[in-house]
Amino acid sequence: MTGLLIPAVLLILAAAAIPFAMARVLPEGIAGLVVNGAISALVLTGMSAAYFLWAYGRTDTRVVDLLGAAPGATLVYFLRLGVQAGLIWAPVMILSLSAQPKRWKTVQW
């Protein structure tokens, strides 16, 4: 149970923090909000996929060997797991993105 709890909590915290961090460098407005969502989703998917690759590789080193034998299929598999982990991080990311317009100073929603 705790083996999954800590990564899930860290993923949720990242899903809350990444959109706010990205909002500092992206322009205000709808376009910036959409770009923020896309970049945040890509980063969170990559983080999730990297965690799954690490966790699987720690359990069985043959998984890491598959990266050399079939890199495309292996990466697609772990990216798919990262997207499926979106059930955990996507709602938090969307809530974090929805709070962005309150902080806009020059553009009105």
PDB file of N, CA and C in Angstrom:
ATOM      1  N   MET A   1       0.822  -1.199   0.000  1.00  0.00           N
ATOM      2  CA  MET A   1       0.000   0.000   0.000  1.00  0.00           C
ATOM      3  C   MET A   1       0.861   1.256   0.000  1.00  0.00           C
ATOM      4  N   THR A   2       1.826   1.335   0.919  1.00  0.00           N
ATOM      5  CA  THR A   2       2.656   2.537   0.967  1.00  0.00           C
ATOM      6  C   THR A   2       3.587   2.620  -0.230  1.00  0.00           C
ATOM      7  N   GLY A   3       3.815   1.498  -0.927  1.00  0.00           N
ATOM      8  CA  GLY A   3       4.633   1.516  -2.122  1.00  0.00           C
ATOM      9  C   GLY A   3       4.009   2.334  -3.235  1.00  0.00           C
ATOM     10  N   LEU A   4       2.707   2.450  -3.236  1.00  0.00           N
ATOM     11  CA  LEU A   4       2.013   3.258  -4.239  1.00  0.00           C
ATOM     12  C   LEU A   4       1.579   4.611  -3.697  1.00  0.00           C
ATOM     13  N   LEU A   5       1.462   4.724  -2.405  1.00  0.00           N
ATOM     14  CA  LEU A   5       0.962   5.958  -1.805  1.00  0.00           C
ATOM     15  C   LEU A   5       1.930   7.118  -2.006  1.00  0.00           C
ATOM     16  N   ILE A   6       3.192   6.904  -1.735  1.00  0.00           N
ATOM     17  CA  ILE A   6       4.174   7.984  -1.842  1.00  0.00           C
ATOM     18  C   ILE A   6       4.308   8.487  -3.287  1.00  0.00           C
ATOM     19  N   PRO A   7       4.441   7.609  -4.302  1.00  0.00           N
ATOM     20  CA  PRO A   7       4.499   8.120  -5.680  1.00  0.00           C
ATOM     21  C   PRO A   7       3.209   8.848  -6.091  1.00  0.00           C
ATOM     22  N   ALA A   8       2.065   8.355  -5.635  1.00  0.00           N
ATOM     23  CA  ALA A   8       0.802   9.017  -5.988  1.00  0.00           C
ATOM     24  C   ALA A   8       0.731  10.409  -5.372  1.00  0.00           C
ATOM     25  N   VAL A   9       1.140  10.535  -4.129  1.00  0.00           N
ATOM     26  CA  VAL A   9       1.128  11.851  -3.474  1.00  0.00           C
ATOM     27  C   VAL A   9       2.106  12.797  -4.165  1.00  0.00           C
ATOM     28  N   LEU A  10       3.288  12.302  -4.497  1.00  0.00           N
ATOM     29  CA  LEU A  10       4.259  13.143  -5.197  1.00  0.00           C
ATOM     30  C   LEU A  10       3.748  13.567  -6.568  1.00  0.00           C
ATOM     31  N   LEU A  11       3.055  12.680  -7.247  1.00  0.00           N
ATOM     32  CA  LEU A  11       2.488  13.007  -8.550  1.00  0.00           C
ATOM     33  C   LEU A  11       1.387  14.055  -8.417  1.00  0.00           C
ATOM     34  N   ILE A  12       0.570  13.935  -7.383  1.00  0.00           N
ATOM     35  CA  ILE A  12      -0.489  14.913  -7.147  1.00  0.00           C
ATOM     36  C   ILE A  12       0.112  16.284  -6.820  1.00  0.00           C
ATOM     37  N   LEU A  13       1.149  16.303  -6.000  1.00  0.00           N
ATOM     38  CA  LEU A  13       1.813  17.568  -5.675  1.00  0.00           C
ATOM     39  C   LEU A  13       2.438  18.198  -6.919  1.00  0.00           C
ATOM     40  N   ALA A  14       3.043  17.373  -7.759  1.00  0.00           N
ATOM     41  CA  ALA A  14       3.618  17.885  -9.006  1.00  0.00           C
ATOM     42  C   ALA A  14       2.530  18.417  -9.925  1.00  0.00           C
ATOM     43  N   ALA A  15       1.382  17.737  -9.974  1.00  0.00           N
ATOM     44  CA  ALA A  15       0.269  18.183 -10.827  1.00  0.00           C
ATOM     45  C   ALA A  15      -0.282  19.513 -10.351  1.00  0.00           C
ATOM     46  N   ALA A  16      -0.162  19.796  -9.063  1.00  0.00           N
ATOM     47  CA  ALA A  16      -0.609  21.087  -8.545  1.00  0.00           C
ATOM     48  C   ALA A  16       0.435  22.168  -8.770  1.00  0.00           C
ATOM     49  N   ALA A  17       1.721  21.820  -8.677  1.00  0.00           N
ATOM     50  CA  ALA A  17       2.786  22.819  -8.724  1.00  0.00           C
ATOM     51  C   ALA A  17       3.226  23.185 -10.139  1.00  0.00           C
ATOM     52  N   ILE A  18       3.261  22.240 -11.045  1.00  0.00           N
ATOM     53  CA  ILE A  18       3.804  22.501 -12.387  1.00  0.00           C
ATOM     54  C   ILE A  18       3.021  23.582 -13.128  1.00  0.00           C
ATOM     55  N   PRO A  19       1.673  23.568 -13.155  1.00  0.00           N
ATOM     56  CA  PRO A  19       0.978  24.654 -13.853  1.00  0.00           C
ATOM     57  C   PRO A  19       1.252  26.038 -13.259  1.00  0.00           C
ATOM     58  N   PHE A  20       1.407  26.127 -11.942  1.00  0.00           N
ATOM     59  CA  PHE A  20       1.719  27.424 -11.337  1.00  0.00           C
ATOM     60  C   PHE A  20       3.130  27.872 -11.713  1.00  0.00           C
ATOM     61  N   ALA A  21       4.066  26.931 -11.765  1.00  0.00           N
ATOM     62  CA  ALA A  21       5.430  27.274 -12.172  1.00  0.00           C
ATOM     63  C   ALA A  21       5.469  27.697 -13.639  1.00  0.00           C
ATOM     64  N   MET A  22       4.727  27.004 -14.470  1.00  0.00           N
ATOM     65  CA  MET A  22       4.697  27.347 -15.894  1.00  0.00           C
ATOM     66  C   MET A  22       4.018  28.692 -16.134  1.00  0.00           C
ATOM     67  N   ALA A  23       3.056  29.042 -15.283  1.00  0.00           N
ATOM     68  CA  ALA A  23       2.336  30.310 -15.459  1.00  0.00           C
ATOM     69  C   ALA A  23       3.257  31.513 -15.271  1.00  0.00           C
ATOM     70  N   ARG A  24       4.346  31.332 -14.561  1.00  0.00           N
ATOM     71  CA  ARG A  24       5.285  32.440 -14.356  1.00  0.00           C
ATOM     72  C   ARG A  24       6.033  32.805 -15.622  1.00  0.00           C
ATOM     73  N   VAL A  25       6.233  31.840 -16.514  1.00  0.00           N
ATOM     74  CA  VAL A  25       7.012  32.100 -17.723  1.00  0.00           C
ATOM     75  C   VAL A  25       6.144  32.216 -18.983  1.00  0.00           C
ATOM     76  N   LEU A  26       4.904  31.787 -18.909  1.00  0.00           N
ATOM     77  CA  LEU A  26       4.018  31.854 -20.075  1.00  0.00           C
ATOM     78  C   LEU A  26       3.171  33.123 -20.013  1.00  0.00           C
ATOM     79  N   PRO A  27       2.745  33.620 -21.169  1.00  0.00           N
ATOM     80  CA  PRO A  27       1.910  34.831 -21.161  1.00  0.00           C
ATOM     81  C   PRO A  27       0.520  34.556 -20.596  1.00  0.00           C
ATOM     82  N   GLU A  28      -0.080  35.614 -20.067  1.00  0.00           N
ATOM     83  CA  GLU A  28      -1.446  35.492 -19.568  1.00  0.00           C
ATOM     84  C   GLU A  28      -2.405  35.392 -20.753  1.00  0.00           C
ATOM     85  N   GLY A  29      -3.556  34.808 -20.512  1.00  0.00           N
ATOM     86  CA  GLY A  29      -4.568  34.695 -21.548  1.00  0.00           C
ATOM     87  C   GLY A  29      -4.895  33.254 -21.864  1.00  0.00           C
ATOM     88  N   ILE A  30      -5.875  33.107 -22.742  1.00  0.00           N
ATOM     89  CA  ILE A  30      -6.356  31.774 -23.102  1.00  0.00           C
ATOM     90  C   ILE A  30      -5.259  30.960 -23.779  1.00  0.00           C
ATOM     91  N   ALA A  31      -4.534  31.583 -24.694  1.00  0.00           N
ATOM     92  CA  ALA A  31      -3.477  30.847 -25.397  1.00  0.00           C
ATOM     93  C   ALA A  31      -2.412  30.360 -24.414  1.00  0.00           C
ATOM     94  N   GLY A  32      -2.012  31.206 -23.496  1.00  0.00           N
ATOM     95  CA  GLY A  32      -1.034  30.804 -22.488  1.00  0.00           C
ATOM     96  C   GLY A  32      -1.555  29.693 -21.597  1.00  0.00           C
ATOM     97  N   LEU A  33      -2.850  29.751 -21.287  1.00  0.00           N
ATOM     98  CA  LEU A  33      -3.466  28.721 -20.451  1.00  0.00           C
ATOM     99  C   LEU A  33      -3.493  27.368 -21.175  1.00  0.00           C
ATOM    100  N   VAL A  34      -3.798  27.377 -22.464  1.00  0.00           N
ATOM    101  CA  VAL A  34      -3.816  26.142 -23.252  1.00  0.00           C
ATOM    102  C   VAL A  34      -2.402  25.568 -23.377  1.00  0.00           C
ATOM    103  N   VAL A  35      -1.429  26.434 -23.649  1.00  0.00           N
ATOM    104  CA  VAL A  35      -0.041  25.975 -23.743  1.00  0.00           C
ATOM    105  C   VAL A  35       0.420  25.435 -22.393  1.00  0.00           C
ATOM    106  N   ASN A  36       0.046  26.110 -21.324  1.00  0.00           N
ATOM    107  CA  ASN A  36       0.381  25.659 -19.975  1.00  0.00           C
ATOM    108  C   ASN A  36      -0.179  24.257 -19.725  1.00  0.00           C
ATOM    109  N   GLY A  37      -1.425  24.047 -20.101  1.00  0.00           N
ATOM    110  CA  GLY A  37      -2.039  22.728 -19.927  1.00  0.00           C
ATOM    111  C   GLY A  37      -1.345  21.659 -20.741  1.00  0.00           C
ATOM    112  N   ALA A  38      -0.989  21.980 -21.973  1.00  0.00           N
ATOM    113  CA  ALA A  38      -0.327  20.993 -22.839  1.00  0.00           C
ATOM    114  C   ALA A  38       1.065  20.646 -22.309  1.00  0.00           C
ATOM    115  N   ILE A  39       1.842  21.664 -21.935  1.00  0.00           N
ATOM    116  CA  ILE A  39       3.187  21.412 -21.425  1.00  0.00           C
ATOM    117  C   ILE A  39       3.117  20.662 -20.098  1.00  0.00           C
ATOM    118  N   SER A  40       2.208  21.073 -19.228  1.00  0.00           N
ATOM    119  CA  SER A  40       2.070  20.398 -17.938  1.00  0.00           C
ATOM    120  C   SER A  40       1.688  18.933 -18.126  1.00  0.00           C
ATOM    121  N   ALA A  41       0.767  18.666 -19.043  1.00  0.00           N
ATOM    122  CA  ALA A  41       0.354  17.281 -19.301  1.00  0.00           C
ATOM    123  C   ALA A  41       1.518  16.456 -19.848  1.00  0.00           C
ATOM    124  N   LEU A  42       2.309  17.034 -20.745  1.00  0.00           N
ATOM    125  CA  LEU A  42       3.461  16.305 -21.278  1.00  0.00           C
ATOM    126  C   LEU A  42       4.499  16.023 -20.195  1.00  0.00           C
ATOM    127  N   VAL A  43       4.760  17.005 -19.346  1.00  0.00           N
ATOM    128  CA  VAL A  43       5.735  16.809 -18.275  1.00  0.00           C
ATOM    129  C   VAL A  43       5.246  15.742 -17.290  1.00  0.00           C
ATOM    130  N   LEU A  44       3.973  15.815 -16.917  1.00  0.00           N
ATOM    131  CA  LEU A  44       3.428  14.843 -15.971  1.00  0.00           C
ATOM    132  C   LEU A  44       3.359  13.437 -16.567  1.00  0.00           C
ATOM    133  N   THR A  45       3.055  13.340 -17.843  1.00  0.00           N
ATOM    134  CA  THR A  45       3.071  12.039 -18.510  1.00  0.00           C
ATOM    135  C   THR A  45       4.490  11.468 -18.518  1.00  0.00           C
ATOM    136  N   GLY A  46       5.462  12.315 -18.826  1.00  0.00           N
ATOM    137  CA  GLY A  46       6.855  11.877 -18.811  1.00  0.00           C
ATOM    138  C   GLY A  46       7.321  11.461 -17.426  1.00  0.00           C
ATOM    139  N   MET A  47       6.920  12.222 -16.416  1.00  0.00           N
ATOM    140  CA  MET A  47       7.282  11.861 -15.044  1.00  0.00           C
ATOM    141  C   MET A  47       6.674  10.529 -14.649  1.00  0.00           C
ATOM    142  N   SER A  48       5.417  10.329 -15.003  1.00  0.00           N
ATOM    143  CA  SER A  48       4.742   9.071 -14.680  1.00  0.00           C
ATOM    144  C   SER A  48       5.393   7.904 -15.404  1.00  0.00           C
ATOM    145  N   ALA A  49       5.691   8.095 -16.684  1.00  0.00           N
ATOM    146  CA  ALA A  49       6.328   7.029 -17.460  1.00  0.00           C
ATOM    147  C   ALA A  49       7.711   6.699 -16.891  1.00  0.00           C
ATOM    148  N   ALA A  50       8.455   7.729 -16.500  1.00  0.00           N
ATOM    149  CA  ALA A  50       9.781   7.496 -15.921  1.00  0.00           C
ATOM    150  C   ALA A  50       9.670   6.745 -14.602  1.00  0.00           C
ATOM    151  N   TYR A  51       8.670   7.069 -13.798  1.00  0.00           N
ATOM    152  CA  TYR A  51       8.489   6.334 -12.548  1.00  0.00           C
ATOM    153  C   TYR A  51       8.171   4.866 -12.821  1.00  0.00           C
ATOM    154  N   PHE A  52       7.264   4.619 -13.771  1.00  0.00           N
ATOM    155  CA  PHE A  52       6.917   3.226 -14.078  1.00  0.00           C
ATOM    156  C   PHE A  52       8.129   2.467 -14.610  1.00  0.00           C
ATOM    157  N   LEU A  53       8.929   3.103 -15.456  1.00  0.00           N
ATOM    158  CA  LEU A  53      10.130   2.452 -15.963  1.00  0.00           C
ATOM    159  C   LEU A  53      11.082   2.130 -14.816  1.00  0.00           C
ATOM    160  N   TRP A  54      11.263   3.066 -13.903  1.00  0.00           N
ATOM    161  CA  TRP A  54      12.135   2.837 -12.748  1.00  0.00           C
ATOM    162  C   TRP A  54      11.587   1.712 -11.867  1.00  0.00           C
ATOM    163  N   ALA A  55      10.283   1.755 -11.580  1.00  0.00           N
ATOM    164  CA  ALA A  55       9.684   0.751 -10.691  1.00  0.00           C
ATOM    165  C   ALA A  55       9.731  -0.638 -11.319  1.00  0.00           C
ATOM    166  N   TYR A  56       9.428  -0.729 -12.611  1.00  0.00           N
ATOM    167  CA  TYR A  56       9.493  -2.026 -13.281  1.00  0.00           C
ATOM    168  C   TYR A  56      10.939  -2.517 -13.356  1.00  0.00           C
ATOM    169  N   GLY A  57      11.854  -1.611 -13.674  1.00  0.00           N
ATOM    170  CA  GLY A  57      13.260  -1.987 -13.789  1.00  0.00           C
ATOM    171  C   GLY A  57      13.860  -2.409 -12.466  1.00  0.00           C
ATOM    172  N   ARG A  58      13.389  -1.822 -11.377  1.00  0.00           N
ATOM    173  CA  ARG A  58      13.865  -2.207 -10.051  1.00  0.00           C
ATOM    174  C   ARG A  58      13.395  -3.617  -9.697  1.00  0.00           C
ATOM    175  N   THR A  59      12.205  -3.964 -10.161  1.00  0.00           N
ATOM    176  CA  THR A  59      11.649  -5.286  -9.885  1.00  0.00           C
ATOM    177  C   THR A  59      12.317  -6.361 -10.739  1.00  0.00           C
ATOM    178  N   ASP A  60      12.526  -6.060 -12.019  1.00  0.00           N
ATOM    179  CA  ASP A  60      13.111  -7.043 -12.935  1.00  0.00           C
ATOM    180  C   ASP A  60      13.982  -6.313 -13.948  1.00  0.00           C
ATOM    181  N   THR A  61      15.262  -6.592 -13.956  1.00  0.00           N
ATOM    182  CA  THR A  61      16.191  -5.877 -14.836  1.00  0.00           C
ATOM    183  C   THR A  61      15.982  -6.208 -16.316  1.00  0.00           C
ATOM    184  N   ARG A  62      15.238  -7.256 -16.606  1.00  0.00           N
ATOM    185  CA  ARG A  62      14.978  -7.580 -18.018  1.00  0.00           C
ATOM    186  C   ARG A  62      14.134  -6.500 -18.685  1.00  0.00           C
ATOM    187  N   VAL A  63      13.381  -5.762 -17.888  1.00  0.00           N
ATOM    188  CA  VAL A  63      12.578  -4.675 -18.453  1.00  0.00           C
ATOM    189  C   VAL A  63      13.492  -3.605 -19.026  1.00  0.00           C
ATOM    190  N   VAL A  64      14.555  -3.298 -18.319  1.00  0.00           N
ATOM    191  CA  VAL A  64      15.513  -2.314 -18.809  1.00  0.00           C
ATOM    192  C   VAL A  64      16.229  -2.853 -20.047  1.00  0.00           C
ATOM    193  N   ASP A  65      16.461  -4.139 -20.099  1.00  0.00           N
ATOM    194  CA  ASP A  65      17.089  -4.752 -21.275  1.00  0.00           C
ATOM    195  C   ASP A  65      16.206  -4.610 -22.508  1.00  0.00           C
ATOM    196  N   LEU A  66      14.899  -4.549 -22.313  1.00  0.00           N
ATOM    197  CA  LEU A  66      13.984  -4.362 -23.442  1.00  0.00           C
ATOM    198  C   LEU A  66      14.182  -3.016 -24.126  1.00  0.00           C
ATOM    199  N   LEU A  67      14.668  -2.029 -23.385  1.00  0.00           N
ATOM    200  CA  LEU A  67      14.941  -0.733 -24.008  1.00  0.00           C
ATOM    201  C   LEU A  67      15.984  -0.859 -25.112  1.00  0.00           C
ATOM    202  N   GLY A  68      16.931  -1.763 -24.927  1.00  0.00           N
ATOM    203  CA  GLY A  68      17.934  -1.990 -25.965  1.00  0.00           C
ATOM    204  C   GLY A  68      17.417  -2.852 -27.099  1.00  0.00           C
ATOM    205  N   ALA A  69      16.566  -3.820 -26.779  1.00  0.00           N
ATOM    206  CA  ALA A  69      16.070  -4.754 -27.792  1.00  0.00           C
ATOM    207  C   ALA A  69      14.937  -4.156 -28.627  1.00  0.00           C
ATOM    208  N   ALA A  70      13.989  -3.533 -27.967  1.00  0.00           N
ATOM    209  CA  ALA A  70      12.830  -2.945 -28.666  1.00  0.00           C
ATOM    210  C   ALA A  70      12.515  -1.585 -28.044  1.00  0.00           C
ATOM    211  N   PRO A  71      13.333  -0.573 -28.331  1.00  0.00           N
ATOM    212  CA  PRO A  71      13.142   0.709 -27.647  1.00  0.00           C
ATOM    213  C   PRO A  71      11.806   1.379 -27.960  1.00  0.00           C
ATOM    214  N   GLY A  72      11.363   1.305 -29.187  1.00  0.00           N
ATOM    215  CA  GLY A  72      10.112   1.968 -29.554  1.00  0.00           C
ATOM    216  C   GLY A  72       8.922   1.387 -28.821  1.00  0.00           C
ATOM    217  N   ALA A  73       8.788   0.080 -28.861  1.00  0.00           N
ATOM    218  CA  ALA A  73       7.654  -0.578 -28.213  1.00  0.00           C
ATOM    219  C   ALA A  73       7.704  -0.404 -26.702  1.00  0.00           C
ATOM    220  N   THR A  74       8.902  -0.448 -26.142  1.00  0.00           N
ATOM    221  CA  THR A  74       9.033  -0.288 -24.696  1.00  0.00           C
ATOM    222  C   THR A  74       8.659   1.121 -24.266  1.00  0.00           C
ATOM    223  N   LEU A  75       9.138   2.122 -24.998  1.00  0.00           N
ATOM    224  CA  LEU A  75       8.803   3.503 -24.647  1.00  0.00           C
ATOM    225  C   LEU A  75       7.316   3.784 -24.822  1.00  0.00           C
ATOM    226  N   VAL A  76       6.729   3.231 -25.878  1.00  0.00           N
ATOM    227  CA  VAL A  76       5.288   3.416 -26.079  1.00  0.00           C
ATOM    228  C   VAL A  76       4.512   2.789 -24.926  1.00  0.00           C
ATOM    229  N   TYR A  77       4.941   1.629 -24.472  1.00  0.00           N
ATOM    230  CA  TYR A  77       4.271   0.964 -23.356  1.00  0.00           C
ATOM    231  C   TYR A  77       4.320   1.823 -22.093  1.00  0.00           C
ATOM    232  N   PHE A  78       5.498   2.354 -21.782  1.00  0.00           N
ATOM    233  CA  PHE A  78       5.619   3.150 -20.562  1.00  0.00           C
ATOM    234  C   PHE A  78       4.950   4.517 -20.705  1.00  0.00           C
ATOM    235  N   LEU A  79       4.944   5.087 -21.902  1.00  0.00           N
ATOM    236  CA  LEU A  79       4.195   6.332 -22.106  1.00  0.00           C
ATOM    237  C   LEU A  79       2.695   6.091 -21.959  1.00  0.00           C
ATOM    238  N   ARG A  80       2.229   4.934 -22.412  1.00  0.00           N
ATOM    239  CA  ARG A  80       0.822   4.598 -22.238  1.00  0.00           C
ATOM    240  C   ARG A  80       0.481   4.473 -20.750  1.00  0.00           C
ATOM    241  N   LEU A  81       1.373   3.882 -19.979  1.00  0.00           N
ATOM    242  CA  LEU A  81       1.165   3.825 -18.529  1.00  0.00           C
ATOM    243  C   LEU A  81       1.147   5.227 -17.924  1.00  0.00           C
ATOM    244  N   GLY A  82       2.005   6.109 -18.435  1.00  0.00           N
ATOM    245  CA  GLY A  82       2.021   7.488 -17.955  1.00  0.00           C
ATOM    246  C   GLY A  82       0.720   8.219 -18.242  1.00  0.00           C
ATOM    247  N   VAL A  83       0.158   7.955 -19.426  1.00  0.00           N
ATOM    248  CA  VAL A  83      -1.136   8.562 -19.773  1.00  0.00           C
ATOM    249  C   VAL A  83      -2.235   7.991 -18.883  1.00  0.00           C
ATOM    250  N   GLN A  84      -2.191   6.696 -18.621  1.00  0.00           N
ATOM    251  CA  GLN A  84      -3.194   6.084 -17.753  1.00  0.00           C
ATOM    252  C   GLN A  84      -3.097   6.618 -16.328  1.00  0.00           C
ATOM    253  N   ALA A  85      -1.910   7.006 -15.914  1.00  0.00           N
ATOM    254  CA  ALA A  85      -1.750   7.610 -14.588  1.00  0.00           C
ATOM    255  C   ALA A  85      -2.411   8.988 -14.548  1.00  0.00           C
ATOM    256  N   GLY A  86      -2.815   9.481 -15.704  1.00  0.00           N
ATOM    257  CA  GLY A  86      -3.556  10.733 -15.766  1.00  0.00           C
ATOM    258  C   GLY A  86      -4.842  10.697 -14.960  1.00  0.00           C
ATOM    259  N   LEU A  87      -5.340   9.505 -14.670  1.00  0.00           N
ATOM    260  CA  LEU A  87      -6.499   9.407 -13.781  1.00  0.00           C
ATOM    261  C   LEU A  87      -6.179   9.978 -12.406  1.00  0.00           C
ATOM    262  N   ILE A  88      -4.905   9.956 -12.038  1.00  0.00           N
ATOM    263  CA  ILE A  88      -4.483  10.504 -10.751  1.00  0.00           C
ATOM    264  C   ILE A  88      -4.145  11.987 -10.880  1.00  0.00           C
ATOM    265  N   TRP A  89      -3.326  12.346 -11.883  1.00  0.00           N
ATOM    266  CA  TRP A  89      -2.828  13.710 -11.926  1.00  0.00           C
ATOM    267  C   TRP A  89      -3.678  14.685 -12.732  1.00  0.00           C
ATOM    268  N   ALA A  90      -4.458  14.224 -13.685  1.00  0.00           N
ATOM    269  CA  ALA A  90      -5.205  15.152 -14.544  1.00  0.00           C
ATOM    270  C   ALA A  90      -6.239  15.997 -13.792  1.00  0.00           C
ATOM    271  N   PRO A  91      -7.050  15.437 -12.885  1.00  0.00           N
ATOM    272  CA  PRO A  91      -8.003  16.299 -12.179  1.00  0.00           C
ATOM    273  C   PRO A  91      -7.326  17.398 -11.362  1.00  0.00           C
ATOM    274  N   VAL A  92      -6.213  17.077 -10.742  1.00  0.00           N
ATOM    275  CA  VAL A  92      -5.495  18.077  -9.946  1.00  0.00           C
ATOM    276  C   VAL A  92      -4.894  19.138 -10.865  1.00  0.00           C
ATOM    277  N   MET A  93      -4.351  18.714 -11.999  1.00  0.00           N
ATOM    278  CA  MET A  93      -3.782  19.664 -12.951  1.00  0.00           C
ATOM    279  C   MET A  93      -4.860  20.599 -13.494  1.00  0.00           C
ATOM    280  N   ILE A  94      -6.037  20.061 -13.798  1.00  0.00           N
ATOM    281  CA  ILE A  94      -7.125  20.885 -14.319  1.00  0.00           C
ATOM    282  C   ILE A  94      -7.584  21.891 -13.268  1.00  0.00           C
ATOM    283  N   LEU A  95      -7.676  21.465 -12.023  1.00  0.00           N
ATOM    284  CA  LEU A  95      -8.030  22.410 -10.957  1.00  0.00           C
ATOM    285  C   LEU A  95      -6.972  23.492 -10.799  1.00  0.00           C
ATOM    286  N   SER A  96      -5.724  23.117 -10.916  1.00  0.00           N
ATOM    287  CA  SER A  96      -4.640  24.085 -10.817  1.00  0.00           C
ATOM    288  C   SER A  96      -4.681  25.074 -11.984  1.00  0.00           C
ATOM    289  N   LEU A  97      -4.979  24.567 -13.161  1.00  0.00           N
ATOM    290  CA  LEU A  97      -5.095  25.456 -14.323  1.00  0.00           C
ATOM    291  C   LEU A  97      -6.300  26.384 -14.197  1.00  0.00           C
ATOM    292  N   SER A  98      -7.382  25.885 -13.615  1.00  0.00           N
ATOM    293  CA  SER A  98      -8.577  26.721 -13.493  1.00  0.00           C
ATOM    294  C   SER A  98      -8.387  27.861 -12.501  1.00  0.00           C
ATOM    295  N   ALA A  99      -7.393  27.761 -11.646  1.00  0.00           N
ATOM    296  CA  ALA A  99      -7.106  28.836 -10.696  1.00  0.00           C
ATOM    297  C   ALA A  99      -6.215  29.917 -11.306  1.00  0.00           C
ATOM    298  N   GLN A 100      -5.668  29.677 -12.468  1.00  0.00           N
ATOM    299  CA  GLN A 100      -4.747  30.633 -13.083  1.00  0.00           C
ATOM    300  C   GLN A 100      -5.385  31.984 -13.420  1.00  0.00           C
ATOM    301  N   PRO A 101      -6.582  32.026 -14.012  1.00  0.00           N
ATOM    302  CA  PRO A 101      -7.136  33.339 -14.387  1.00  0.00           C
ATOM    303  C   PRO A 101      -7.308  34.307 -13.208  1.00  0.00           C
ATOM    304  N   LYS A 102      -7.461  33.811 -11.998  1.00  0.00           N
ATOM    305  CA  LYS A 102      -7.581  34.708 -10.846  1.00  0.00           C
ATOM    306  C   LYS A 102      -6.301  35.503 -10.622  1.00  0.00           C
ATOM    307  N   ARG A 103      -5.185  34.990 -11.086  1.00  0.00           N
ATOM    308  CA  ARG A 103      -3.891  35.632 -10.854  1.00  0.00           C
ATOM    309  C   ARG A 103      -3.472  36.547 -12.004  1.00  0.00           C
ATOM    310  N   TRP A 104      -4.250  36.599 -13.071  1.00  0.00           N
ATOM    311  CA  TRP A 104      -3.887  37.428 -14.195  1.00  0.00           C
ATOM    312  C   TRP A 104      -3.996  38.893 -13.821  1.00  0.00           C
ATOM    313  N   LYS A 105      -3.012  39.665 -14.280  1.00  0.00           N
ATOM    314  CA  LYS A 105      -3.003  41.098 -13.969  1.00  0.00           C
ATOM    315  C   LYS A 105      -3.376  41.959 -15.178  1.00  0.00           C
ATOM    316  N   THR A 106      -3.030  41.515 -16.387  1.00  0.00           N
ATOM    317  CA  THR A 106      -3.269  42.338 -17.558  1.00  0.00           C
ATOM    318  C   THR A 106      -4.430  41.846 -18.419  1.00  0.00           C
ATOM    319  N   VAL A 107      -4.730  40.567 -18.374  1.00  0.00           N
ATOM    320  CA  VAL A 107      -5.787  40.001 -19.211  1.00  0.00           C
ATOM    321  C   VAL A 107      -6.968  39.645 -18.306  1.00  0.00           C
ATOM    322  N   GLN A 108      -8.170  39.962 -18.815  1.00  0.00           N
ATOM    323  CA  GLN A 108      -9.358  39.634 -18.033  1.00  0.00           C
ATOM    324  C   GLN A 108     -10.013  38.412 -18.658  1.00  0.00           C
ATOM    325  N   TRP A 109     -10.487  37.518 -17.796  1.00  0.00           N
ATOM    326  CA  TRP A 109     -11.101  36.271 -18.247  1.00  0.00           C
ATOM    327  C   TRP A 109     -12.376  36.519 -18.980  1.00  0.00           C
TER     328      TRP A 109
END
